[in-house]
Amino acid sequence: MGHILIAEDELGLREFLSEALEDDGHRCRQAKHGREALDLLRRQSFDLLITDLRMPEMDGMELLRIARAEQPELEVVLLTAHGSIETAVEAMRLGAFDYLEKPIGSPLELRLLAGRALERRQLKTLATRADREAPQLPPLSYGDPTMERVGEALRKVAATRATVLLTGESGTGKEIAARSVHRWSERANEAFVAVNCGAIPEQLLESELFGHEKGAFTGATKARRGRLELAAGGTFFLDEIGEMRPELQVKLLRVLEQRSFQRVGGERELPADVRWVAATNRNLESRIASGEFREDLYHRLAVFPVELPALRQRRQDILPLAENLLAQIAARLGRGRLELSPEVRQHLTGAPWPGNIRELSNSLERAAILADGTRLEAAHLFWRSQPVAAVSPDPSPPRTLAEIEREAIEAALAAHDDNRRLAAEALGIGLRTLYDKLKRYRPG
């Protein structure tokens, strides 16, 4: 249950709101104008503020600005008379959770709205607690000039509201870069919400992004808020944006242009007050040329494009990065301090690392499991479960690219017990791309 402050100059309405919410088990305090409400906010802790838009002493808009500036975690709902909807929408852009139009006929709508606002307050509190308890983000760079320039660019754009598009090979750390932009921005105390567009089935992705109303489709037995609503005021990270189907790209473009959206099956416009960061390991220009990605959406996303270099292009970072990863792995395995032998260090700096940081981390974890002592040796790094057969001349004709691709896909699926999401990650492709290829290689 929540602690709610009601600011309303009309006594009858104030009492009605308080009684309706207290019937749901909430604790309510009342204020007859904005100035009294602000005094109470500064002396007590509240989860939700419900305020009239027009009041003496201090109106609802001014109260909203001051309250959100002093208590960013506070949720605010505005009460507005008919004809003031534009002002209420502007208030939502300033951080209000929602608005309720007067006259209020039934307490049910009020209770549902208060419940949703308190739910978001709880989610934000849990996210903040998890963020405090989670280990600090690893540094983007360990001194390599190539990555230092990337970090400098991200710090500069983080101070703005510009949309960021992160590109680069799979495993280069695009989510860490996105989280760094969030940490360095003015929205750092709000939620960071990530959606992997390639890992969610096409038919569910729209509902996952925007939410849905009750009865919007078969199985929608109740209304559900989407990830975009949960990210309100914070940062919304769209990973693998290149895997989004064209029909949904059109809807996303509208959200970016209008800064508002509708739930699936809904008619009400909700504000999209988020900082947008997108990422892809695909060449979006080539997908535009093939008609798989909208050019207008690309330009909306690529306001500030940043390419993350492959690990082989930032070799000065490899050893310190490996030592950082190894320390995390040792802690996760319950081991003491582990170190790298000279042979291992030499190999790490010279290897091509096509899987980038993800491949480096997997190699180190496998070696750490095999190591009996405190040092990782070359034998641990190069271990294979089966001995490699001796190479002999192969009189057979060379395999086609399609055959090689099919073998790689089947091997990845076998290695991950037919888990297609994990197989797609190992192959460095999107889940949708893997499904398309399986249709070709596994007809019927």
Protein backbone atom coordinates (compact mmCIF):
# COMPACT_ATOMS: atom_id res chain seq x y z
CA MET A 1 0.00 0.00 0.00
CA GLY A 2 1.18 3.54 -0.68
CA HIS A 3 1.48 6.82 1.15
CA ILE A 4 -0.43 9.37 -0.95
CA LEU A 5 -0.64 13.17 -0.77
CA ILE A 6 -3.75 14.82 -2.26
CA ALA A 7 -3.55 18.51 -3.20
CA GLU A 8 -6.99 19.89 -4.11
CA ASP A 9 -8.63 23.19 -3.16
CA GLU A 10 -12.19 21.81 -3.31
CA LEU A 11 -12.94 20.18 0.04
CA GLY A 12 -15.64 17.79 -1.21
CA LEU A 13 -13.47 16.39 -3.99
CA ARG A 14 -10.49 16.17 -1.65
CA GLU A 15 -12.51 14.06 0.81
CA PHE A 16 -13.91 11.89 -2.01
CA LEU A 17 -10.42 11.12 -3.35
CA SER A 18 -9.06 10.37 0.10
CA GLU A 19 -11.90 8.03 1.05
CA ALA A 20 -11.74 6.15 -2.27
CA LEU A 21 -8.02 5.52 -1.91
CA GLU A 22 -8.16 4.69 1.80
CA ASP A 23 -10.77 2.04 0.98
CA ASP A 24 -7.97 0.33 -1.00
CA GLY A 25 -5.72 0.42 2.06
CA HIS A 26 -3.61 3.46 1.17
CA ARG A 27 -2.63 6.13 3.69
CA CYS A 28 -3.64 9.61 2.57
CA ARG A 29 -2.81 13.19 3.60
CA GLN A 30 -4.66 16.23 2.29
CA ALA A 31 -3.51 19.72 1.31
CA LYS A 32 -5.82 22.56 0.28
CA HIS A 33 -3.32 24.23 -2.11
CA GLY A 34 0.11 23.75 -3.67
CA ARG A 35 2.08 25.61 -1.01
CA GLU A 36 0.71 23.43 1.78
CA ALA A 37 1.39 20.32 -0.31
CA LEU A 38 5.01 21.36 -0.86
CA ASP A 39 5.50 21.89 2.87
CA LEU A 40 4.18 18.40 3.55
CA LEU A 41 6.39 16.90 0.85
CA ARG A 42 9.44 18.46 2.47
CA ARG A 43 8.54 17.13 5.92
CA GLN A 44 7.27 13.64 5.09
CA SER A 45 7.95 10.85 2.61
CA PHE A 46 5.23 10.13 0.03
CA ASP A 47 5.00 7.59 -2.78
CA LEU A 48 2.42 9.43 -4.87
CA LEU A 49 1.21 13.01 -5.25
CA ILE A 50 -2.27 13.61 -6.71
CA THR A 51 -2.67 17.31 -7.46
CA ASP A 52 -5.24 19.56 -9.07
CA LEU A 53 -3.91 21.61 -11.96
CA ARG A 54 -5.46 24.90 -10.85
CA MET A 55 -5.13 25.90 -7.17
CA PRO A 56 -4.46 29.07 -5.18
CA GLU A 57 -1.05 29.83 -3.64
CA MET A 58 0.75 27.48 -6.04
CA ASP A 59 -0.76 25.68 -9.04
CA GLY A 60 -0.22 22.05 -9.96
CA MET A 61 2.36 22.72 -12.69
CA GLU A 62 4.64 24.67 -10.37
CA LEU A 63 4.18 22.06 -7.65
CA LEU A 64 5.08 19.35 -10.16
CA ARG A 65 8.28 21.10 -11.26
CA ILE A 66 9.51 21.69 -7.71
CA ALA A 67 8.46 18.27 -6.39
CA ARG A 68 10.10 16.36 -9.25
CA ALA A 69 13.27 18.45 -8.95
CA GLU A 70 13.56 17.77 -5.22
CA GLN A 71 12.22 14.19 -5.26
CA PRO A 72 12.80 12.60 -8.70
CA GLU A 73 11.45 9.25 -7.47
CA LEU A 74 8.01 10.73 -6.56
CA GLU A 75 5.15 9.76 -8.87
CA VAL A 76 2.66 12.52 -9.75
CA VAL A 77 -0.90 12.32 -11.12
CA LEU A 78 -2.68 15.51 -12.23
CA LEU A 79 -6.38 16.28 -11.96
CA THR A 80 -7.52 18.47 -14.81
CA ALA A 81 -10.80 19.95 -15.98
CA HIS A 82 -12.00 19.42 -19.54
CA GLY A 83 -10.21 21.83 -21.88
CA SER A 84 -6.87 21.64 -20.06
CA ILE A 85 -5.72 18.39 -21.64
CA GLU A 86 -2.83 20.02 -23.53
CA THR A 87 -1.48 21.37 -20.25
CA ALA A 88 -1.80 17.94 -18.67
CA VAL A 89 0.10 16.33 -21.55
CA GLU A 90 2.85 18.93 -21.10
CA ALA A 91 2.93 18.03 -17.41
CA MET A 92 3.55 14.41 -18.36
CA ARG A 93 6.49 15.50 -20.46
CA LEU A 94 7.83 17.16 -17.30
CA GLY A 95 7.62 13.88 -15.41
CA ALA A 96 4.01 13.41 -14.30
CA PHE A 97 2.90 9.78 -14.43
CA ASP A 98 -0.56 10.44 -15.84
CA TYR A 99 -3.62 12.68 -15.57
CA LEU A 100 -7.28 12.18 -14.60
CA GLU A 101 -9.98 14.33 -16.12
CA LYS A 102 -12.64 15.89 -13.90
CA PRO A 103 -15.40 15.32 -13.04
CA ILE A 104 -14.45 11.91 -11.66
CA GLY A 105 -17.55 9.77 -11.96
CA SER A 106 -16.37 6.53 -10.39
CA PRO A 107 -13.60 5.86 -7.86
CA LEU A 108 -12.58 2.74 -9.83
CA GLU A 109 -10.61 4.67 -12.46
CA LEU A 110 -8.87 6.62 -9.70
CA ARG A 111 -7.94 3.43 -7.84
CA LEU A 112 -6.60 1.76 -10.99
CA LEU A 113 -4.55 4.80 -11.93
CA ALA A 114 -3.12 5.14 -8.42
CA GLY A 115 -2.28 1.44 -8.45
CA ARG A 116 -0.34 1.76 -11.70
CA ALA A 117 1.55 4.81 -10.43
CA LEU A 118 2.49 3.05 -7.20
CA GLU A 119 3.55 -0.02 -9.19
CA ARG A 120 5.97 2.09 -11.20
CA ARG A 121 7.28 3.70 -8.01
CA GLN A 122 7.96 0.23 -6.62
CA LEU A 123 9.70 -0.89 -9.82
CA LYS A 124 11.91 2.21 -9.79
CA THR A 125 12.79 1.60 -6.14
CA LEU A 126 13.74 -2.00 -6.91
CA ALA A 127 15.78 -0.90 -9.93
CA THR A 128 17.64 1.70 -7.88
CA ARG A 129 18.35 -0.84 -5.15
CA ALA A 130 19.57 -3.41 -7.69
CA ASP A 131 21.74 -0.75 -9.33
CA ARG A 132 23.33 0.10 -5.96
CA GLU A 133 23.93 -3.54 -5.12
CA ALA A 134 25.20 -4.55 -8.56
CA PRO A 135 28.92 -4.36 -9.31
CA GLN A 136 30.10 -1.24 -11.04
CA LEU A 137 30.09 -1.24 -14.82
CA PRO A 138 33.48 -2.22 -16.22
CA PRO A 139 35.36 0.66 -17.86
CA LEU A 140 34.79 1.09 -21.57
CA SER A 141 38.52 1.41 -22.19
CA TYR A 142 41.72 0.44 -20.44
CA GLY A 143 43.89 2.96 -22.25
CA ASP A 144 43.75 1.96 -25.90
CA PRO A 145 43.53 5.22 -27.95
CA THR A 146 40.87 3.79 -30.28
CA MET A 147 38.51 3.00 -27.42
CA GLU A 148 39.42 6.17 -25.52
CA ARG A 149 38.01 8.21 -28.42
CA VAL A 150 34.78 6.19 -28.29
CA GLY A 151 34.45 6.79 -24.55
CA GLU A 152 35.01 10.52 -24.98
CA ALA A 153 32.32 10.70 -27.67
CA LEU A 154 29.83 8.80 -25.49
CA ARG A 155 30.47 11.07 -22.51
CA LYS A 156 29.76 14.12 -24.64
CA VAL A 157 26.52 12.79 -26.13
CA ALA A 158 25.36 11.49 -22.73
CA ALA A 159 25.08 15.09 -21.53
CA THR A 160 22.51 15.76 -24.30
CA ARG A 161 19.17 14.20 -25.19
CA ALA A 162 20.30 13.01 -28.62
CA THR A 163 19.41 9.51 -29.80
CA VAL A 164 22.46 7.24 -29.98
CA LEU A 165 23.01 4.37 -32.43
CA LEU A 166 25.73 1.90 -31.41
CA THR A 167 27.16 -0.29 -34.15
CA GLY A 168 29.89 -2.92 -34.25
CA GLU A 169 30.47 -6.65 -34.31
CA SER A 170 28.71 -8.98 -31.90
CA GLY A 171 30.39 -9.10 -28.50
CA THR A 172 32.06 -5.68 -28.62
CA GLY A 173 30.23 -4.39 -25.52
CA LYS A 174 27.37 -2.37 -26.97
CA GLU A 175 25.11 -2.89 -23.92
CA ILE A 176 27.89 -1.73 -21.59
CA ALA A 177 28.25 1.34 -23.81
CA ALA A 178 24.48 1.95 -23.61
CA ARG A 179 24.49 1.61 -19.81
CA SER A 180 27.44 4.00 -19.65
CA VAL A 181 25.48 6.62 -21.60
CA HIS A 182 22.66 6.18 -19.08
CA ARG A 183 25.01 6.45 -16.08
CA TRP A 184 26.59 9.64 -17.44
CA SER A 185 23.25 11.30 -18.32
CA GLU A 186 20.81 13.45 -16.37
CA ARG A 187 18.51 10.40 -16.26
CA ALA A 188 20.97 8.25 -14.30
CA ASN A 189 18.60 7.96 -11.31
CA GLU A 190 15.75 6.69 -13.48
CA ALA A 191 15.22 3.25 -15.00
CA PHE A 192 17.39 1.66 -17.69
CA VAL A 193 15.21 -0.74 -19.69
CA ALA A 194 16.65 -2.98 -22.42
CA VAL A 195 14.79 -4.93 -25.11
CA ASN A 196 16.54 -7.40 -27.41
CA CYS A 197 14.56 -7.17 -30.65
CA GLY A 198 16.14 -10.37 -31.98
CA ALA A 199 15.38 -12.51 -28.94
CA ILE A 200 11.60 -11.92 -28.72
CA PRO A 201 9.25 -13.62 -31.21
CA GLU A 202 7.86 -11.22 -33.80
CA GLN A 203 4.25 -11.66 -32.73
CA LEU A 204 5.09 -10.70 -29.13
CA LEU A 205 7.55 -7.86 -29.68
CA GLU A 206 4.97 -5.11 -30.23
CA SER A 207 3.15 -5.97 -27.00
CA GLU A 208 6.46 -6.24 -25.16
CA LEU A 209 7.44 -2.75 -26.31
CA PHE A 210 4.14 -0.88 -26.01
CA GLY A 211 1.98 -3.04 -23.72
CA HIS A 212 -1.60 -4.01 -24.51
CA GLU A 213 -5.15 -3.48 -23.35
CA LYS A 214 -7.44 -6.22 -22.08
CA GLY A 215 -8.93 -8.14 -25.00
CA ALA A 216 -6.44 -6.73 -27.54
CA PHE A 217 -5.74 -10.28 -28.78
CA THR A 218 -6.37 -13.87 -27.80
CA GLY A 219 -4.91 -14.46 -24.36
CA ALA A 220 -4.88 -10.77 -23.34
CA THR A 221 -6.99 -11.34 -20.23
CA LYS A 222 -5.87 -8.11 -18.60
CA ALA A 223 -4.15 -4.86 -19.51
CA ARG A 224 -0.35 -4.96 -19.40
CA ARG A 225 2.18 -2.14 -19.41
CA GLY A 226 4.99 -2.41 -21.93
CA ARG A 227 8.71 -1.87 -21.46
CA LEU A 228 8.39 1.67 -22.84
CA GLU A 229 6.07 2.66 -19.98
CA LEU A 230 8.41 1.11 -17.44
CA ALA A 231 11.28 3.17 -18.85
CA ALA A 232 9.43 6.49 -18.47
CA GLY A 233 11.88 9.20 -17.44
CA GLY A 234 14.86 6.90 -18.03
CA THR A 235 16.75 5.28 -20.89
CA PHE A 236 15.23 2.83 -23.38
CA PHE A 237 17.78 0.54 -25.06
CA LEU A 238 16.74 -1.29 -28.24
CA ASP A 239 19.33 -3.99 -28.88
CA GLU A 240 19.56 -5.77 -32.24
CA ILE A 241 17.35 -3.12 -33.81
CA GLY A 242 18.26 -4.47 -37.25
CA GLU A 243 16.14 -7.58 -36.56
CA MET A 244 12.88 -5.62 -36.15
CA ARG A 245 10.33 -6.40 -38.86
CA PRO A 246 9.35 -3.54 -41.23
CA GLU A 247 5.73 -3.29 -39.99
CA LEU A 248 6.90 -2.61 -36.44
CA GLN A 249 9.57 -0.22 -37.72
CA VAL A 250 6.75 2.03 -38.97
CA LYS A 251 5.18 2.15 -35.49
CA LEU A 252 8.52 2.80 -33.81
CA LEU A 253 9.19 5.66 -36.23
CA ARG A 254 5.88 7.26 -35.23
CA VAL A 255 6.80 6.98 -31.55
CA LEU A 256 10.15 8.67 -32.18
CA GLU A 257 8.50 11.47 -34.17
CA GLN A 258 5.43 12.06 -31.98
CA ARG A 259 7.05 11.17 -28.62
CA SER A 260 3.90 9.29 -27.72
CA PHE A 261 2.45 5.82 -28.30
CA GLN A 262 -0.62 3.64 -27.83
CA ARG A 263 -0.86 0.24 -26.23
CA VAL A 264 -1.84 -2.60 -28.55
CA GLY A 265 -5.62 -2.45 -28.79
CA GLY A 266 -5.74 0.97 -27.11
CA GLU A 267 -6.69 4.45 -28.29
CA ARG A 268 -5.23 6.63 -25.55
CA GLU A 269 -1.96 8.43 -26.29
CA LEU A 270 0.75 7.86 -23.68
CA PRO A 271 3.95 9.94 -23.52
CA ALA A 272 7.24 8.35 -24.57
CA ASP A 273 9.50 10.28 -22.22
CA VAL A 274 12.70 8.26 -22.65
CA ARG A 275 16.28 8.64 -23.82
CA TRP A 276 16.67 6.40 -26.91
CA VAL A 277 19.74 4.23 -27.45
CA ALA A 278 19.75 1.54 -30.16
CA ALA A 279 22.36 -1.02 -31.17
CA THR A 280 23.00 -3.43 -34.01
CA ASN A 281 25.72 -5.71 -35.33
CA ARG A 282 24.18 -5.57 -38.80
CA ASN A 283 25.03 -3.21 -41.65
CA LEU A 284 21.87 -1.10 -41.67
CA GLU A 285 22.83 0.70 -44.88
CA SER A 286 22.84 -2.61 -46.77
CA ARG A 287 19.54 -3.59 -45.14
CA ILE A 288 18.08 -0.26 -46.28
CA ALA A 289 19.23 -1.04 -49.82
CA SER A 290 17.56 -4.47 -49.66
CA GLY A 291 14.32 -3.00 -48.29
CA GLU A 292 14.65 -4.71 -44.90
CA PHE A 293 15.13 -1.52 -42.88
CA ARG A 294 13.48 1.88 -43.27
CA GLU A 295 15.79 4.72 -44.20
CA ASP A 296 13.69 7.31 -42.33
CA LEU A 297 13.89 5.23 -39.14
CA TYR A 298 17.64 4.86 -39.58
CA HIS A 299 18.08 8.63 -39.71
CA ARG A 300 15.91 9.04 -36.60
CA LEU A 301 18.06 6.55 -34.71
CA ALA A 302 21.46 7.58 -36.05
CA VAL A 303 21.42 11.15 -34.72
CA PHE A 304 24.71 10.29 -33.02
CA PRO A 305 26.17 7.06 -34.47
CA VAL A 306 29.08 5.44 -32.61
CA GLU A 307 30.93 2.38 -33.89
CA LEU A 308 32.52 0.18 -31.25
CA PRO A 309 35.81 -1.26 -32.50
CA ALA A 310 36.44 -5.00 -32.55
CA LEU A 311 38.73 -6.36 -29.85
CA ARG A 312 41.51 -6.99 -32.39
CA GLN A 313 41.44 -3.25 -33.16
CA ARG A 314 42.10 -2.26 -29.52
CA ARG A 315 44.94 -4.60 -28.57
CA GLN A 316 46.22 -2.38 -25.75
CA ASP A 317 42.98 -3.14 -23.92
CA ILE A 318 43.16 -6.94 -24.22
CA LEU A 319 45.39 -7.83 -21.25
CA PRO A 320 43.87 -5.44 -18.68
CA LEU A 321 40.41 -6.43 -19.91
CA ALA A 322 41.32 -10.13 -19.56
CA GLU A 323 42.58 -9.57 -16.02
CA ASN A 324 39.36 -7.75 -15.09
CA LEU A 325 37.23 -10.54 -16.57
CA LEU A 326 39.36 -13.19 -14.86
CA ALA A 327 38.86 -11.53 -11.47
CA GLN A 328 35.07 -11.61 -12.00
CA ILE A 329 35.21 -15.25 -13.14
CA ALA A 330 37.30 -16.27 -10.11
CA ALA A 331 34.78 -14.62 -7.76
CA ARG A 332 31.89 -16.31 -9.53
CA LEU A 333 33.60 -19.72 -9.28
CA GLY A 334 34.52 -19.18 -5.65
CA ARG A 335 38.22 -19.26 -6.45
CA GLY A 336 41.06 -17.15 -5.11
CA ARG A 337 43.14 -14.83 -7.24
CA LEU A 338 44.03 -16.27 -10.68
CA GLU A 339 46.84 -15.06 -12.93
CA LEU A 340 47.86 -15.49 -16.56
CA SER A 341 51.03 -17.29 -17.54
CA PRO A 342 53.43 -15.54 -19.98
CA GLU A 343 52.41 -17.95 -22.76
CA VAL A 344 48.73 -17.20 -22.21
CA ARG A 345 49.35 -13.47 -22.13
CA GLN A 346 51.22 -13.70 -25.43
CA HIS A 347 48.40 -15.67 -27.03
CA LEU A 348 45.68 -13.32 -25.77
CA THR A 349 47.32 -10.25 -27.29
CA GLY A 350 47.94 -11.92 -30.64
CA ALA A 351 44.66 -13.82 -31.18
CA PRO A 352 42.12 -12.43 -33.68
CA TRP A 353 39.11 -12.84 -31.34
CA PRO A 354 36.32 -12.97 -33.94
CA GLY A 355 33.81 -13.29 -31.08
CA ASN A 356 35.33 -10.25 -29.35
CA ILE A 357 34.82 -9.74 -25.59
CA ARG A 358 32.26 -12.54 -25.35
CA GLU A 359 34.72 -15.05 -26.85
CA LEU A 360 37.54 -13.80 -24.62
CA SER A 361 35.37 -14.18 -21.52
CA ASN A 362 34.25 -17.71 -22.47
CA SER A 363 37.85 -18.79 -23.14
CA LEU A 364 39.02 -17.47 -19.77
CA GLU A 365 36.15 -19.09 -17.89
CA ARG A 366 36.83 -22.47 -19.50
CA ALA A 367 40.53 -22.17 -18.64
CA ALA A 368 39.75 -21.13 -15.06
CA ILE A 369 37.57 -24.22 -14.58
CA LEU A 370 40.38 -26.47 -15.82
CA ALA A 371 43.18 -24.81 -13.83
CA ASP A 372 44.01 -26.63 -10.58
CA GLY A 373 46.34 -23.94 -9.23
CA THR A 374 46.36 -20.18 -9.35
CA ARG A 375 47.83 -19.79 -12.85
CA LEU A 376 46.17 -20.26 -16.23
CA GLU A 377 48.49 -22.12 -18.63
CA ALA A 378 48.35 -22.54 -22.39
CA ALA A 379 47.07 -26.12 -22.01
CA HIS A 380 44.01 -24.79 -20.16
CA LEU A 381 43.30 -22.18 -22.82
CA PHE A 382 43.63 -24.54 -25.80
CA TRP A 383 41.86 -27.55 -24.24
CA ARG A 384 39.35 -29.41 -26.36
CA SER A 385 37.03 -32.22 -25.29
CA GLN A 386 38.09 -34.33 -28.29
CA PRO A 387 41.60 -34.66 -29.75
CA VAL A 388 42.08 -32.96 -33.09
CA ALA A 389 42.54 -35.50 -35.86
CA ALA A 390 45.70 -35.34 -37.91
CA VAL A 391 45.34 -33.29 -41.07
CA SER A 392 45.41 -35.34 -44.24
CA PRO A 393 44.87 -34.40 -47.86
CA ASP A 394 41.18 -34.24 -48.73
CA PRO A 395 40.47 -35.37 -52.27
CA SER A 396 36.85 -34.28 -52.07
CA PRO A 397 35.79 -31.05 -53.84
CA PRO A 398 35.61 -27.83 -51.76
CA ARG A 399 32.37 -27.26 -49.88
CA THR A 400 30.00 -24.49 -50.86
CA LEU A 401 29.38 -21.48 -48.57
CA ALA A 402 25.85 -22.74 -47.97
CA GLU A 403 27.20 -26.11 -46.78
CA ILE A 404 29.67 -24.43 -44.43
CA GLU A 405 26.94 -22.15 -43.08
CA ARG A 406 24.57 -25.06 -42.51
CA GLU A 407 27.25 -27.04 -40.66
CA ALA A 408 28.04 -24.04 -38.46
CA ILE A 409 24.36 -23.59 -37.58
CA GLU A 410 23.85 -27.29 -36.80
CA ALA A 411 27.02 -27.34 -34.67
CA ALA A 412 25.91 -24.27 -32.70
CA LEU A 413 22.47 -25.78 -32.08
CA ALA A 414 24.00 -29.07 -30.96
CA ALA A 415 26.43 -27.28 -28.62
CA HIS A 416 23.53 -25.42 -26.95
CA ASP A 417 21.00 -28.30 -26.74
CA ASP A 418 18.95 -26.82 -29.59
CA ASN A 419 18.47 -23.53 -27.67
CA ARG A 420 18.07 -21.21 -30.65
CA ARG A 421 18.63 -17.99 -28.76
CA LEU A 422 21.98 -19.17 -27.39
CA ALA A 423 22.95 -20.61 -30.78
CA ALA A 424 22.19 -17.29 -32.48
CA GLU A 425 24.33 -15.45 -29.94
CA ALA A 426 27.22 -17.89 -30.49
CA LEU A 427 26.97 -17.43 -34.25
CA GLY A 428 26.81 -13.63 -33.93
CA ILE A 429 23.46 -13.35 -35.74
CA GLY A 430 19.97 -12.31 -34.69
CA LEU A 431 17.36 -14.84 -33.63
CA ARG A 432 15.11 -13.87 -36.54
CA THR A 433 17.99 -14.43 -38.98
CA LEU A 434 18.58 -17.89 -37.50
CA TYR A 435 14.90 -18.80 -37.93
CA ASP A 436 15.03 -17.65 -41.59
CA LYS A 437 18.09 -19.80 -42.26
CA LEU A 438 16.55 -22.83 -40.54
CA LYS A 439 13.51 -22.55 -42.79
CA ARG A 440 15.90 -22.82 -45.74
CA TYR A 441 18.01 -25.66 -44.32
CA ARG A 442 15.24 -27.61 -42.57
CA PRO A 443 12.33 -27.50 -45.00
CA GLY A 444 9.03 -28.72 -43.66
